[in-house]
Amino acid sequence: MGRKAVSKFAYCNMIVFTFIVAVITLVGAYVQNVSPDQSGILPFIGLSLSFLLVFNLILVLYWALRLRVWFVVPLLAIVGNYQYIGRIFRPFSSDTAISPTENVLKVATFNADSFGKEWTACVTKDYARFMDAKAVDILCFQEFGKGSESYPLDSICKAFKKWPYHVIPSSPRGKNYLQLAVFSKYPI
């Protein structure tokens, strides 16, 4: 009698465990609609959603191999995450592949941190050469800075002459913010 009771207890616990994992996985499907400010735990559920889906797949196999109807519960949790699965898993098809002849816009971003406050022709030209070799069309700099007295802004713009269009907003009066800068091969 004891062996049967332990078996029944384990079986019931496995059912409860399956429901808990399925509910957490379904909650993970809707985490994208909740701001991280509103909950401390929900973002972590969203981060672990891939693992939860794999775990639900294991539970589907477990219950299916035992020939129990409980396989439907984790299966519903997986189906409930169809949007997430569609975003992370895309089988290769010739319809979605980018052909090499198709125009592609390359954008690069770089947190310059004012280039370590060491604006020099060497650093700037090296970076411009690197971006030119990568065929980048638009360069975005965060914390751009305005150069130095020995290497002013117009010299920086000359180094990036292959990107003739640029926008470098100035700081508000009285503020010394490091600005954003955008250099582009196309009109902005």
C-alpha atoms as a PDB file:
ATOM      1  CA  MET A   1       0.000   0.000   0.000  1.00  0.00           C
ATOM      2  CA  GLY A   2       2.883   2.425   0.752  1.00  0.00           C
ATOM      3  CA  ARG A   3       4.368   2.104  -2.723  1.00  0.00           C
ATOM      4  CA  LYS A   4       1.031   2.890  -4.356  1.00  0.00           C
ATOM      5  CA  ALA A   5       0.558   5.948  -2.108  1.00  0.00           C
ATOM      6  CA  VAL A   6       4.017   7.303  -2.972  1.00  0.00           C
ATOM      7  CA  SER A   7       3.352   6.717  -6.672  1.00  0.00           C
ATOM      8  CA  LYS A   8      -0.001   8.500  -6.458  1.00  0.00           C
ATOM      9  CA  PHE A   9       1.597  11.368  -4.494  1.00  0.00           C
ATOM     10  CA  ALA A  10       4.341  11.770  -7.131  1.00  0.00           C
ATOM     11  CA  TYR A  11       1.761  11.629  -9.927  1.00  0.00           C
ATOM     12  CA  CYS A  12      -0.361  14.364  -8.302  1.00  0.00           C
ATOM     13  CA  ASN A  13       2.698  16.514  -7.639  1.00  0.00           C
ATOM     14  CA  MET A  14       3.752  16.162 -11.275  1.00  0.00           C
ATOM     15  CA  ILE A  15       0.322  17.351 -12.388  1.00  0.00           C
ATOM     16  CA  VAL A  16       0.527  20.372 -10.095  1.00  0.00           C
ATOM     17  CA  PHE A  17       4.083  21.063 -11.292  1.00  0.00           C
ATOM     18  CA  THR A  18       2.942  20.873 -14.929  1.00  0.00           C
ATOM     19  CA  PHE A  19       0.177  23.404 -14.271  1.00  0.00           C
ATOM     20  CA  ILE A  20       2.548  25.786 -12.456  1.00  0.00           C
ATOM     21  CA  VAL A  21       5.124  25.710 -15.268  1.00  0.00           C
ATOM     22  CA  ALA A  22       2.376  26.159 -17.877  1.00  0.00           C
ATOM     23  CA  VAL A  23       0.872  29.153 -16.070  1.00  0.00           C
ATOM     24  CA  ILE A  24       4.267  30.829 -15.656  1.00  0.00           C
ATOM     25  CA  THR A  25       4.950  30.238 -19.354  1.00  0.00           C
ATOM     26  CA  LEU A  26       1.603  31.752 -20.346  1.00  0.00           C
ATOM     27  CA  VAL A  27       2.315  34.762 -18.129  1.00  0.00           C
ATOM     28  CA  GLY A  28       5.617  35.091 -20.001  1.00  0.00           C
ATOM     29  CA  ALA A  29       3.708  35.469 -23.255  1.00  0.00           C
ATOM     30  CA  TYR A  30       2.214  38.735 -22.001  1.00  0.00           C
ATOM     31  CA  VAL A  31       5.263  40.169 -20.248  1.00  0.00           C
ATOM     32  CA  GLN A  32       5.977  42.358 -23.258  1.00  0.00           C
ATOM     33  CA  ASN A  33       2.871  44.392 -22.384  1.00  0.00           C
ATOM     34  CA  VAL A  34       3.991  45.130 -18.816  1.00  0.00           C
ATOM     35  CA  SER A  35       6.462  47.859 -17.948  1.00  0.00           C
ATOM     36  CA  PRO A  36       9.420  46.737 -15.797  1.00  0.00           C
ATOM     37  CA  ASP A  37       8.496  49.564 -13.416  1.00  0.00           C
ATOM     38  CA  GLN A  38       5.236  47.815 -12.580  1.00  0.00           C
ATOM     39  CA  SER A  39       6.723  44.463 -11.562  1.00  0.00           C
ATOM     40  CA  GLY A  40      10.069  43.211 -10.364  1.00  0.00           C
ATOM     41  CA  ILE A  41       9.597  39.538 -11.284  1.00  0.00           C
ATOM     42  CA  LEU A  42       7.844  39.692 -14.670  1.00  0.00           C
ATOM     43  CA  PRO A  43      10.910  40.853 -16.637  1.00  0.00           C
ATOM     44  CA  PHE A  44      12.786  37.791 -15.382  1.00  0.00           C
ATOM     45  CA  ILE A  45       9.987  35.545 -16.572  1.00  0.00           C
ATOM     46  CA  GLY A  46      10.330  37.185 -19.972  1.00  0.00           C
ATOM     47  CA  LEU A  47      14.074  36.574 -19.977  1.00  0.00           C
ATOM     48  CA  SER A  48      13.619  32.917 -19.101  1.00  0.00           C
ATOM     49  CA  LEU A  49      10.803  32.313 -21.581  1.00  0.00           C
ATOM     50  CA  SER A  50      12.979  30.278 -23.954  1.00  0.00           C
ATOM     51  CA  PHE A  51      13.914  27.890 -21.146  1.00  0.00           C
ATOM     52  CA  LEU A  52      10.314  27.670 -19.996  1.00  0.00           C
ATOM     53  CA  LEU A  53       9.199  26.744 -23.508  1.00  0.00           C
ATOM     54  CA  VAL A  54      11.830  24.014 -23.727  1.00  0.00           C
ATOM     55  CA  PHE A  55      10.769  22.756 -20.312  1.00  0.00           C
ATOM     56  CA  ASN A  56       7.135  22.680 -21.462  1.00  0.00           C
ATOM     57  CA  LEU A  57       8.204  20.678 -24.506  1.00  0.00           C
ATOM     58  CA  ILE A  58       9.873  18.169 -22.178  1.00  0.00           C
ATOM     59  CA  LEU A  59       6.660  17.991 -20.147  1.00  0.00           C
ATOM     60  CA  VAL A  60       4.632  17.379 -23.325  1.00  0.00           C
ATOM     61  CA  LEU A  61       6.919  14.477 -24.173  1.00  0.00           C
ATOM     62  CA  TYR A  62       6.781  13.148 -20.594  1.00  0.00           C
ATOM     63  CA  TRP A  63       2.985  13.080 -20.472  1.00  0.00           C
ATOM     64  CA  ALA A  64       2.629  11.824 -24.051  1.00  0.00           C
ATOM     65  CA  LEU A  65       5.000   8.918 -23.390  1.00  0.00           C
ATOM     66  CA  ARG A  66       3.014   8.049 -20.266  1.00  0.00           C
ATOM     67  CA  LEU A  67      -0.132   8.182 -22.427  1.00  0.00           C
ATOM     68  CA  ARG A  68      -1.819  10.742 -20.202  1.00  0.00           C
ATOM     69  CA  VAL A  69      -4.061  13.585 -21.277  1.00  0.00           C
ATOM     70  CA  TRP A  70      -2.013  16.043 -19.198  1.00  0.00           C
ATOM     71  CA  PHE A  71       0.262  16.628 -22.220  1.00  0.00           C
ATOM     72  CA  VAL A  72      -2.379  19.120 -23.375  1.00  0.00           C
ATOM     73  CA  VAL A  73      -1.565  21.571 -20.549  1.00  0.00           C
ATOM     74  CA  PRO A  74       2.085  22.299 -21.524  1.00  0.00           C
ATOM     75  CA  LEU A  75       1.091  22.089 -25.190  1.00  0.00           C
ATOM     76  CA  LEU A  76      -1.403  24.918 -24.646  1.00  0.00           C
ATOM     77  CA  ALA A  77       1.334  26.934 -22.893  1.00  0.00           C
ATOM     78  CA  ILE A  78       3.568  26.485 -25.930  1.00  0.00           C
ATOM     79  CA  VAL A  79       0.780  27.414 -28.357  1.00  0.00           C
ATOM     80  CA  GLY A  80      -0.044  30.445 -26.192  1.00  0.00           C
ATOM     81  CA  ASN A  81       3.461  31.732 -26.900  1.00  0.00           C
ATOM     82  CA  TYR A  82       3.122  31.522 -30.693  1.00  0.00           C
ATOM     83  CA  GLN A  83       4.065  35.203 -31.135  1.00  0.00           C
ATOM     84  CA  TYR A  84       7.276  34.789 -29.166  1.00  0.00           C
ATOM     85  CA  ILE A  85       8.153  31.589 -31.010  1.00  0.00           C
ATOM     86  CA  GLY A  86       7.478  33.313 -34.326  1.00  0.00           C
ATOM     87  CA  ARG A  87       9.905  36.095 -33.422  1.00  0.00           C
ATOM     88  CA  ILE A  88      12.789  33.864 -32.381  1.00  0.00           C
ATOM     89  CA  PHE A  89      12.422  30.970 -34.804  1.00  0.00           C
ATOM     90  CA  ARG A  90      12.282  31.639 -38.509  1.00  0.00           C
ATOM     91  CA  PRO A  91      13.092  28.739 -40.759  1.00  0.00           C
ATOM     92  CA  PHE A  92      15.065  29.703 -43.813  1.00  0.00           C
ATOM     93  CA  SER A  93      13.028  30.319 -46.904  1.00  0.00           C
ATOM     94  CA  SER A  94      14.004  31.863 -50.205  1.00  0.00           C
ATOM     95  CA  ASP A  95      11.158  34.385 -49.888  1.00  0.00           C
ATOM     96  CA  THR A  96      12.626  36.079 -46.812  1.00  0.00           C
ATOM     97  CA  ALA A  97      16.293  35.911 -47.788  1.00  0.00           C
ATOM     98  CA  ILE A  98      17.965  39.160 -48.789  1.00  0.00           C
ATOM     99  CA  SER A  99      19.467  38.870 -52.198  1.00  0.00           C
ATOM    100  CA  PRO A 100      22.989  40.231 -52.633  1.00  0.00           C
ATOM    101  CA  THR A 101      21.792  42.613 -55.342  1.00  0.00           C
ATOM    102  CA  GLU A 102      19.184  44.202 -53.073  1.00  0.00           C
ATOM    103  CA  ASN A 103      20.038  47.591 -51.586  1.00  0.00           C
ATOM    104  CA  VAL A 104      20.947  47.363 -47.923  1.00  0.00           C
ATOM    105  CA  LEU A 105      21.365  50.332 -45.618  1.00  0.00           C
ATOM    106  CA  LYS A 106      24.143  49.853 -43.061  1.00  0.00           C
ATOM    107  CA  VAL A 107      23.958  51.808 -39.830  1.00  0.00           C
ATOM    108  CA  ALA A 108      26.671  51.792 -37.179  1.00  0.00           C
ATOM    109  CA  THR A 109      26.489  53.274 -33.717  1.00  0.00           C
ATOM    110  CA  PHE A 110      29.362  54.015 -31.413  1.00  0.00           C
ATOM    111  CA  ASN A 111      29.519  55.341 -27.864  1.00  0.00           C
ATOM    112  CA  ALA A 112      32.483  57.618 -28.428  1.00  0.00           C
ATOM    113  CA  ASP A 113      32.709  59.032 -24.882  1.00  0.00           C
ATOM    114  CA  SER A 114      34.312  62.033 -26.553  1.00  0.00           C
ATOM    115  CA  PHE A 115      36.913  59.596 -27.877  1.00  0.00           C
ATOM    116  CA  GLY A 116      38.506  59.507 -24.430  1.00  0.00           C
ATOM    117  CA  LYS A 117      38.830  63.298 -24.633  1.00  0.00           C
ATOM    118  CA  GLU A 118      41.709  62.607 -27.009  1.00  0.00           C
ATOM    119  CA  TRP A 119      40.432  63.949 -30.301  1.00  0.00           C
ATOM    120  CA  THR A 120      43.293  63.466 -32.708  1.00  0.00           C
ATOM    121  CA  ALA A 121      43.504  63.129 -36.451  1.00  0.00           C
ATOM    122  CA  CYS A 122      44.883  59.607 -36.028  1.00  0.00           C
ATOM    123  CA  VAL A 123      41.966  58.292 -33.949  1.00  0.00           C
ATOM    124  CA  THR A 124      39.319  59.981 -36.084  1.00  0.00           C
ATOM    125  CA  LYS A 125      40.790  58.943 -39.437  1.00  0.00           C
ATOM    126  CA  ASP A 126      41.292  55.366 -38.234  1.00  0.00           C
ATOM    127  CA  TYR A 127      37.670  55.156 -37.235  1.00  0.00           C
ATOM    128  CA  ALA A 128      36.558  56.716 -40.534  1.00  0.00           C
ATOM    129  CA  ARG A 129      38.683  54.203 -42.490  1.00  0.00           C
ATOM    130  CA  PHE A 130      37.252  51.309 -40.505  1.00  0.00           C
ATOM    131  CA  MET A 131      33.660  52.429 -41.145  1.00  0.00           C
ATOM    132  CA  ASP A 132      34.440  52.989 -44.826  1.00  0.00           C
ATOM    133  CA  ALA A 133      35.877  49.461 -45.086  1.00  0.00           C
ATOM    134  CA  LYS A 134      32.644  48.119 -43.559  1.00  0.00           C
ATOM    135  CA  ALA A 135      30.618  50.139 -46.121  1.00  0.00           C
ATOM    136  CA  VAL A 136      28.587  51.876 -43.434  1.00  0.00           C
ATOM    137  CA  ASP A 137      26.046  54.369 -44.762  1.00  0.00           C
ATOM    138  CA  ILE A 138      25.066  56.125 -41.532  1.00  0.00           C
ATOM    139  CA  LEU A 139      27.284  56.664 -38.475  1.00  0.00           C
ATOM    140  CA  CYS A 140      25.685  57.498 -35.146  1.00  0.00           C
ATOM    141  CA  PHE A 141      27.857  58.680 -32.277  1.00  0.00           C
ATOM    142  CA  GLN A 142      26.722  58.917 -28.679  1.00  0.00           C
ATOM    143  CA  GLU A 143      28.616  61.239 -26.332  1.00  0.00           C
ATOM    144  CA  PHE A 144      30.284  62.792 -29.353  1.00  0.00           C
ATOM    145  CA  GLY A 145      31.911  65.852 -27.832  1.00  0.00           C
ATOM    146  CA  LYS A 146      33.086  68.789 -29.889  1.00  0.00           C
ATOM    147  CA  GLY A 147      36.707  67.926 -30.453  1.00  0.00           C
ATOM    148  CA  SER A 148      39.579  69.793 -28.885  1.00  0.00           C
ATOM    149  CA  GLU A 149      41.315  73.090 -29.502  1.00  0.00           C
ATOM    150  CA  SER A 150      44.013  71.328 -31.518  1.00  0.00           C
ATOM    151  CA  TYR A 151      41.469  69.237 -33.443  1.00  0.00           C
ATOM    152  CA  PRO A 152      38.251  71.243 -33.818  1.00  0.00           C
ATOM    153  CA  LEU A 153      34.860  70.160 -35.144  1.00  0.00           C
ATOM    154  CA  ASP A 154      35.534  71.174 -38.759  1.00  0.00           C
ATOM    155  CA  SER A 155      38.586  68.889 -38.821  1.00  0.00           C
ATOM    156  CA  ILE A 156      36.481  66.044 -37.481  1.00  0.00           C
ATOM    157  CA  CYS A 157      33.935  66.640 -40.252  1.00  0.00           C
ATOM    158  CA  LYS A 158      36.760  66.538 -42.828  1.00  0.00           C
ATOM    159  CA  ALA A 159      37.871  63.142 -41.520  1.00  0.00           C
ATOM    160  CA  PHE A 160      34.341  61.872 -42.149  1.00  0.00           C
ATOM    161  CA  LYS A 161      34.113  63.479 -45.602  1.00  0.00           C
ATOM    162  CA  LYS A 162      32.698  60.265 -47.128  1.00  0.00           C
ATOM    163  CA  TRP A 163      29.613  61.006 -45.036  1.00  0.00           C
ATOM    164  CA  PRO A 164      28.966  64.567 -46.230  1.00  0.00           C
ATOM    165  CA  TYR A 165      25.672  65.045 -44.424  1.00  0.00           C
ATOM    166  CA  HIS A 166      25.841  65.474 -40.698  1.00  0.00           C
ATOM    167  CA  VAL A 167      23.834  66.706 -37.750  1.00  0.00           C
ATOM    168  CA  ILE A 168      25.621  67.692 -34.564  1.00  0.00           C
ATOM    169  CA  PRO A 169      23.284  69.577 -32.233  1.00  0.00           C
ATOM    170  CA  SER A 170      24.845  71.957 -29.757  1.00  0.00           C
ATOM    171  CA  SER A 171      24.403  71.818 -25.989  1.00  0.00           C
ATOM    172  CA  PRO A 172      21.860  74.097 -24.332  1.00  0.00           C
ATOM    173  CA  ARG A 173      23.338  77.329 -23.038  1.00  0.00           C
ATOM    174  CA  GLY A 174      25.241  76.894 -19.829  1.00  0.00           C
ATOM    175  CA  LYS A 175      25.360  73.109 -20.202  1.00  0.00           C
ATOM    176  CA  ASN A 176      28.288  71.024 -21.350  1.00  0.00           C
ATOM    177  CA  TYR A 177      26.536  67.857 -22.467  1.00  0.00           C
ATOM    178  CA  LEU A 178      28.184  65.327 -24.721  1.00  0.00           C
ATOM    179  CA  GLN A 179      25.952  65.346 -27.765  1.00  0.00           C
ATOM    180  CA  LEU A 180      24.748  62.877 -30.322  1.00  0.00           C
ATOM    181  CA  ALA A 181      26.127  63.160 -33.838  1.00  0.00           C
ATOM    182  CA  VAL A 182      24.952  61.592 -37.065  1.00  0.00           C
ATOM    183  CA  PHE A 183      27.031  61.382 -40.226  1.00  0.00           C
ATOM    184  CA  SER A 184      25.312  60.118 -43.358  1.00  0.00           C
ATOM    185  CA  LYS A 185      25.981  59.437 -47.004  1.00  0.00           C
ATOM    186  CA  TYR A 186      22.394  60.476 -47.670  1.00  0.00           C
ATOM    187  CA  PRO A 187      20.602  63.753 -46.988  1.00  0.00           C
ATOM    188  CA  ILE A 188      19.207  63.965 -43.505  1.00  0.00           C
END
